[in-house]
Protein backbone atom coordinates (compact mmCIF):
# COMPACT_ATOMS: atom_id res chain seq x y z
CA MET A 1 56.94 3.75 -12.75
CA ASP A 2 58.98 1.52 -10.07
CA LEU A 3 62.11 0.41 -12.10
CA SER A 4 63.33 -1.70 -9.30
CA ARG A 5 60.67 -4.31 -10.51
CA ILE A 6 62.58 -4.68 -13.54
CA LEU A 7 64.99 -7.50 -13.38
CA VAL A 8 68.37 -6.97 -15.48
CA LEU A 9 70.28 -10.02 -15.80
CA ILE A 10 73.90 -9.12 -17.39
CA LYS A 11 76.07 -12.09 -18.56
CA GLY A 12 79.67 -10.94 -17.69
CA ALA A 13 81.03 -8.36 -15.30
CA GLY A 14 84.00 -6.92 -16.86
CA ASP A 15 84.71 -3.19 -18.08
CA LEU A 16 82.06 -2.48 -20.30
CA ALA A 17 79.25 -4.98 -18.61
CA SER A 18 80.38 -2.84 -15.07
CA GLY A 19 79.48 0.30 -16.88
CA VAL A 20 76.11 -0.88 -18.04
CA ALA A 21 75.38 -2.23 -14.57
CA ALA A 22 76.24 1.11 -13.07
CA ARG A 23 74.19 3.13 -15.37
CA LEU A 24 71.09 0.78 -15.07
CA HIS A 25 71.47 0.49 -11.24
CA ARG A 26 71.68 4.15 -10.82
CA CYS A 27 68.55 4.78 -12.55
CA GLY A 28 66.68 2.33 -10.10
CA PHE A 29 66.50 -1.05 -11.94
CA SER A 30 67.54 -4.31 -10.13
CA VAL A 31 70.78 -5.83 -11.73
CA VAL A 32 72.44 -9.38 -11.23
CA MET A 33 75.58 -10.03 -13.05
CA THR A 34 77.07 -13.61 -13.93
CA GLU A 35 80.60 -14.22 -14.27
CA LEU A 36 83.18 -16.94 -15.06
CA PRO A 37 85.11 -18.91 -11.96
CA GLN A 38 88.38 -17.12 -12.74
CA PRO A 39 87.69 -13.94 -15.08
CA LEU A 40 90.35 -12.41 -16.90
CA MET A 41 89.84 -8.67 -16.14
CA VAL A 42 92.08 -6.06 -16.99
CA ARG A 43 90.38 -2.68 -15.70
CA ARG A 44 89.47 -4.69 -12.32
CA ALA A 45 89.69 -1.65 -10.35
CA VAL A 46 86.33 -0.74 -12.24
CA CYS A 47 84.80 -4.30 -12.75
CA PHE A 48 81.93 -5.75 -10.49
CA GLY A 49 83.31 -8.96 -11.53
CA GLU A 50 86.35 -8.45 -9.12
CA ALA A 51 83.84 -9.44 -6.37
CA VAL A 52 84.61 -13.20 -7.49
CA TYR A 53 88.07 -12.93 -6.13
CA THR A 54 87.49 -10.43 -3.21
CA GLY A 55 83.78 -11.33 -2.23
CA GLU A 56 82.99 -7.57 -2.32
CA VAL A 57 84.16 -4.74 -4.66
CA VAL A 58 82.76 -1.03 -4.42
CA VAL A 59 82.91 0.90 -7.94
CA GLU A 60 82.06 4.44 -7.65
CA SER A 61 80.40 4.26 -4.46
CA ILE A 62 78.11 1.16 -5.99
CA VAL A 63 78.48 -2.05 -3.95
CA ALA A 64 78.56 -5.61 -5.85
CA ARG A 65 79.10 -8.77 -3.70
CA ARG A 66 79.54 -12.47 -4.79
CA VAL A 67 76.60 -14.62 -3.94
CA PRO A 68 76.16 -18.33 -3.97
CA ASP A 69 72.84 -18.69 -5.55
CA VAL A 70 69.45 -17.06 -6.88
CA VAL A 71 67.95 -16.97 -3.37
CA ALA A 72 71.04 -15.19 -1.95
CA ALA A 73 70.82 -12.92 -5.27
CA ARG A 74 67.29 -11.88 -4.68
CA ARG A 75 67.74 -11.01 -1.01
CA MET A 76 70.80 -8.98 -2.01
CA LEU A 77 68.75 -6.75 -4.27
CA THR A 78 66.61 -5.48 -1.59
CA ASP A 79 69.50 -3.87 0.03
CA ARG A 80 70.52 -2.13 -3.33
CA VAL A 81 73.63 -4.16 -3.61
CA ILE A 82 74.58 -5.80 -7.25
CA PRO A 83 74.65 -9.73 -6.66
CA VAL A 84 77.51 -11.45 -9.00
CA LEU A 85 76.94 -15.19 -9.72
CA VAL A 86 79.50 -17.54 -10.70
CA ASP A 87 77.67 -19.01 -13.45
CA PRO A 88 79.11 -19.26 -16.81
CA GLN A 89 76.34 -20.27 -18.66
CA ALA A 90 73.80 -17.76 -17.04
CA ALA A 91 71.77 -20.88 -15.96
CA CYS A 92 70.47 -18.54 -13.30
CA ARG A 93 68.15 -16.85 -15.89
CA ILE A 94 65.49 -19.71 -15.54
CA ALA A 95 64.95 -19.07 -11.91
CA LEU A 96 65.36 -15.26 -12.12
CA ALA A 97 63.19 -14.96 -15.04
CA PRO A 98 64.37 -11.14 -16.14
CA THR A 99 62.59 -9.01 -17.99
CA VAL A 100 65.80 -8.04 -19.66
CA LEU A 101 69.19 -10.00 -20.18
CA VAL A 102 72.31 -8.30 -21.44
CA ASP A 103 74.74 -10.53 -23.07
CA ALA A 104 78.06 -8.27 -21.93
CA ILE A 105 80.46 -10.99 -22.39
CA MET A 106 82.36 -9.43 -25.16
CA ALA A 107 83.61 -12.46 -26.65
CA LYS A 108 82.99 -11.03 -30.30
CA ARG A 109 81.12 -14.16 -30.95
CA ASN A 110 77.74 -15.44 -29.45
CA THR A 111 78.45 -18.17 -26.80
CA GLY A 112 75.01 -19.16 -26.60
CA THR A 113 72.60 -16.35 -25.97
CA GLN A 114 69.21 -16.52 -27.66
CA ARG A 115 66.29 -14.25 -28.25
CA SER A 116 64.15 -16.19 -26.16
CA ASP A 117 66.21 -15.94 -23.15
CA ALA A 118 64.19 -13.03 -21.86
CA PRO A 119 61.34 -10.41 -23.23
CA LEU A 120 64.13 -8.04 -24.15
CA VAL A 121 67.77 -9.51 -24.88
CA ILE A 122 70.45 -6.78 -25.78
CA ALA A 123 74.02 -7.87 -26.99
CA LEU A 124 77.13 -5.77 -27.01
CA GLY A 125 79.17 -5.33 -29.70
CA PRO A 126 80.01 -7.62 -32.60
CA GLY A 127 79.08 -11.21 -33.14
CA PHE A 128 75.21 -10.67 -32.84
CA THR A 129 72.62 -9.76 -35.30
CA ALA A 130 69.39 -7.87 -33.88
CA GLY A 131 66.39 -9.45 -34.75
CA GLU A 132 67.85 -12.89 -34.80
CA ASP A 133 69.77 -14.06 -31.60
CA CYS A 134 69.00 -10.81 -29.83
CA HIS A 135 66.38 -7.97 -30.02
CA ALA A 136 68.96 -5.38 -30.21
CA VAL A 137 72.76 -4.76 -30.55
CA ILE A 138 74.92 -1.92 -28.85
CA GLU A 139 77.67 -0.54 -30.67
CA THR A 140 80.84 -0.60 -28.75
CA GLN A 141 83.62 0.34 -31.29
CA ARG A 142 84.63 3.94 -30.50
CA GLY A 143 83.99 6.66 -32.87
CA HIS A 144 80.85 7.97 -34.34
CA TRP A 145 78.68 5.21 -33.97
CA LEU A 146 79.70 4.25 -30.09
CA GLY A 147 76.59 3.42 -27.97
CA ARG A 148 74.16 3.20 -30.60
CA VAL A 149 71.37 0.83 -30.79
CA TYR A 150 70.56 -1.01 -33.79
CA TRP A 151 67.24 -2.85 -34.00
CA GLN A 152 68.18 -4.54 -37.05
CA GLY A 153 71.70 -5.83 -38.19
CA THR A 154 74.94 -6.05 -36.50
CA ALA A 155 77.50 -3.77 -34.87
CA GLN A 156 80.86 -2.96 -36.69
CA PRO A 157 83.01 -5.73 -36.86
CA ASP A 158 85.92 -6.17 -34.62
CA THR A 159 89.11 -4.83 -35.81
CA GLY A 160 91.42 -6.50 -33.33
CA VAL A 161 92.94 -2.94 -32.87
CA PRO A 162 92.14 -0.98 -29.43
CA GLY A 163 90.28 2.26 -29.89
CA GLU A 164 91.96 5.73 -29.35
CA ILE A 165 92.45 7.36 -26.12
CA GLY A 166 94.59 10.38 -26.02
CA SER A 167 97.31 10.91 -28.93
CA ALA A 168 99.17 7.82 -28.61
CA THR A 169 99.20 5.24 -31.39
CA THR A 170 96.74 2.78 -29.60
CA PRO A 171 97.90 -0.68 -30.46
CA ARG A 172 101.13 0.53 -28.42
CA ARG A 173 99.08 1.06 -25.06
CA VAL A 174 97.76 -2.67 -24.80
CA LEU A 175 100.13 -5.12 -23.38
CA ARG A 176 99.71 -8.93 -24.33
CA ALA A 177 101.15 -12.02 -23.05
CA PRO A 178 104.06 -13.01 -24.97
CA ALA A 179 103.48 -16.76 -24.23
CA ASP A 180 101.56 -19.13 -22.29
CA GLY A 181 102.17 -19.16 -18.37
CA ILE A 182 101.21 -17.44 -15.29
CA VAL A 183 101.10 -13.31 -14.84
CA GLU A 184 103.40 -11.94 -12.32
CA THR A 185 103.03 -8.15 -12.11
CA ARG A 186 105.72 -5.47 -11.50
CA ALA A 187 103.36 -2.67 -11.67
CA GLU A 188 100.02 -1.80 -9.72
CA ILE A 189 96.77 0.21 -11.46
CA GLY A 190 97.15 3.79 -11.07
CA ASP A 191 101.12 3.44 -11.36
CA HIS A 192 103.03 6.06 -13.60
CA VAL A 193 105.43 4.28 -16.19
CA GLU A 194 107.99 5.03 -18.53
CA THR A 195 108.47 3.42 -21.87
CA GLU A 196 110.30 0.09 -21.77
CA GLN A 197 109.53 -0.17 -17.98
CA VAL A 198 108.95 -3.87 -17.04
CA ILE A 199 105.15 -3.97 -16.16
CA ALA A 200 104.91 -7.71 -15.88
CA GLU A 201 106.26 -11.14 -16.72
CA VAL A 202 104.83 -14.25 -18.22
CA ALA A 203 106.59 -17.32 -17.69
CA GLY A 204 109.54 -15.58 -17.30
CA ILE A 205 109.45 -13.29 -20.17
CA PRO A 206 109.32 -9.44 -19.40
CA VAL A 207 106.19 -7.45 -20.62
CA ARG A 208 107.49 -3.87 -21.24
CA ALA A 209 105.57 -0.57 -21.41
CA CYS A 210 105.61 0.88 -25.03
CA CYS A 211 104.43 4.30 -24.09
CA THR A 212 104.54 6.64 -21.00
CA GLY A 213 101.42 6.98 -18.90
CA VAL A 214 99.89 5.16 -15.95
CA VAL A 215 98.85 1.69 -15.46
CA ARG A 216 95.10 2.06 -16.54
CA GLY A 217 94.53 -1.63 -16.00
CA ILE A 218 96.54 -4.90 -15.61
CA ILE A 219 95.34 -8.54 -14.89
CA ARG A 220 95.37 -10.06 -11.35
CA PRO A 221 98.86 -11.64 -10.67
CA GLY A 222 99.09 -15.53 -10.52
CA ILE A 223 96.35 -15.88 -13.27
CA SER A 224 97.41 -18.33 -16.10
CA VAL A 225 97.12 -16.90 -19.59
CA ALA A 226 97.40 -18.16 -23.21
CA ARG A 227 100.11 -16.23 -25.43
CA GLY A 228 98.18 -13.29 -27.08
CA THR A 229 96.08 -12.64 -24.13
CA LYS A 230 95.66 -8.75 -23.33
CA ILE A 231 97.06 -8.62 -19.83
CA GLY A 232 97.52 -4.53 -19.27
CA ASP A 233 96.43 -1.20 -20.66
CA ILE A 234 98.66 1.84 -20.17
CA ASP A 235 96.86 5.28 -20.34
CA PRO A 236 99.20 7.73 -22.03
CA ARG A 237 96.95 10.85 -20.94
CA GLY A 238 98.62 10.23 -17.48
CA MET A 239 95.40 10.96 -15.64
CA ARG A 240 95.66 8.42 -12.47
CA ALA A 241 91.82 9.37 -11.35
CA HIS A 242 90.88 7.85 -14.85
CA CYS A 243 92.02 4.09 -13.51
CA PHE A 244 89.48 4.06 -11.05
CA THR A 245 86.73 5.54 -12.55
CA ILE A 246 84.35 3.85 -15.40
CA SER A 247 85.39 4.93 -18.58
CA ASP A 248 83.54 7.16 -21.25
CA LYS A 249 83.30 4.17 -23.64
CA SER A 250 81.57 1.95 -20.91
CA LEU A 251 79.07 4.93 -19.80
CA ALA A 252 78.18 5.47 -23.57
CA VAL A 253 77.82 1.72 -24.22
CA GLY A 254 75.55 1.72 -20.93
CA GLY A 255 73.37 4.73 -22.18
CA GLY A 256 72.72 2.71 -25.41
CA VAL A 257 71.50 -0.10 -23.21
CA LEU A 258 69.40 2.30 -20.86
CA GLU A 259 67.57 3.66 -24.34
CA ALA A 260 67.14 0.29 -25.66
CA ILE A 261 65.10 -0.95 -22.30
CA LEU A 262 63.23 2.40 -22.26
CA SER A 263 62.24 2.69 -25.67
CA GLN A 264 61.08 -0.90 -25.78
CA MET A 265 58.91 0.02 -22.66
CA ARG A 266 57.16 2.63 -24.49
CA GLY A 267 56.89 0.45 -27.53
CA HIS A 268 60.17 1.75 -29.88
């Protein structure tokens, strides 16, 4: 079967969404992504949504480009490039008529997705109920159930605590804005940093590393954020290559989406 005939529209183009897009793209599906005008991406070295700012981005040899409209998006698909549309409401779904819609916004709540948006609607993480506002939900919480497909019910609730990577106490690795303000970065993705090193400033207030490791992700400088917003992520494992490749979690979630699509095609 020619999987390129199956169009998958992914709402969101952040970390997990990009893992989903990469898996589907490599399998031969046609993928279109939507994003906000100013997305707040931390792991932007592996986010196709970075194309919103740069025009084009390459993640693990897969090219994504910002496009102005649906016509340009369809044209881009013939070149095996992932089109990224600035379309917060994913209004393009009406013209695109995707076979599959994936809500990968990761807002921890449903921001408007309906089961009628496509023949198959898949949602990532908490905030959705399979069988009600979508057909399937994919588990996004690290642990035993990560990547599992739920055809009924919901994913595990959001704990507010980052999942464990390496052996560090996980809440320590995430950097959050100490106040409302503009982010100014003092380190780059892939940099090795030490505990208490200043990684960024928000409204002039320093944000310090709470563990030693590499900067796995940091928000684009010059972005305005609210107090408490996640602005950075330090990986205590210290492997620089991990900063520039899609994570195990994103690939697991992408595998769940792939399973949901293929099992639906077989009449799960």
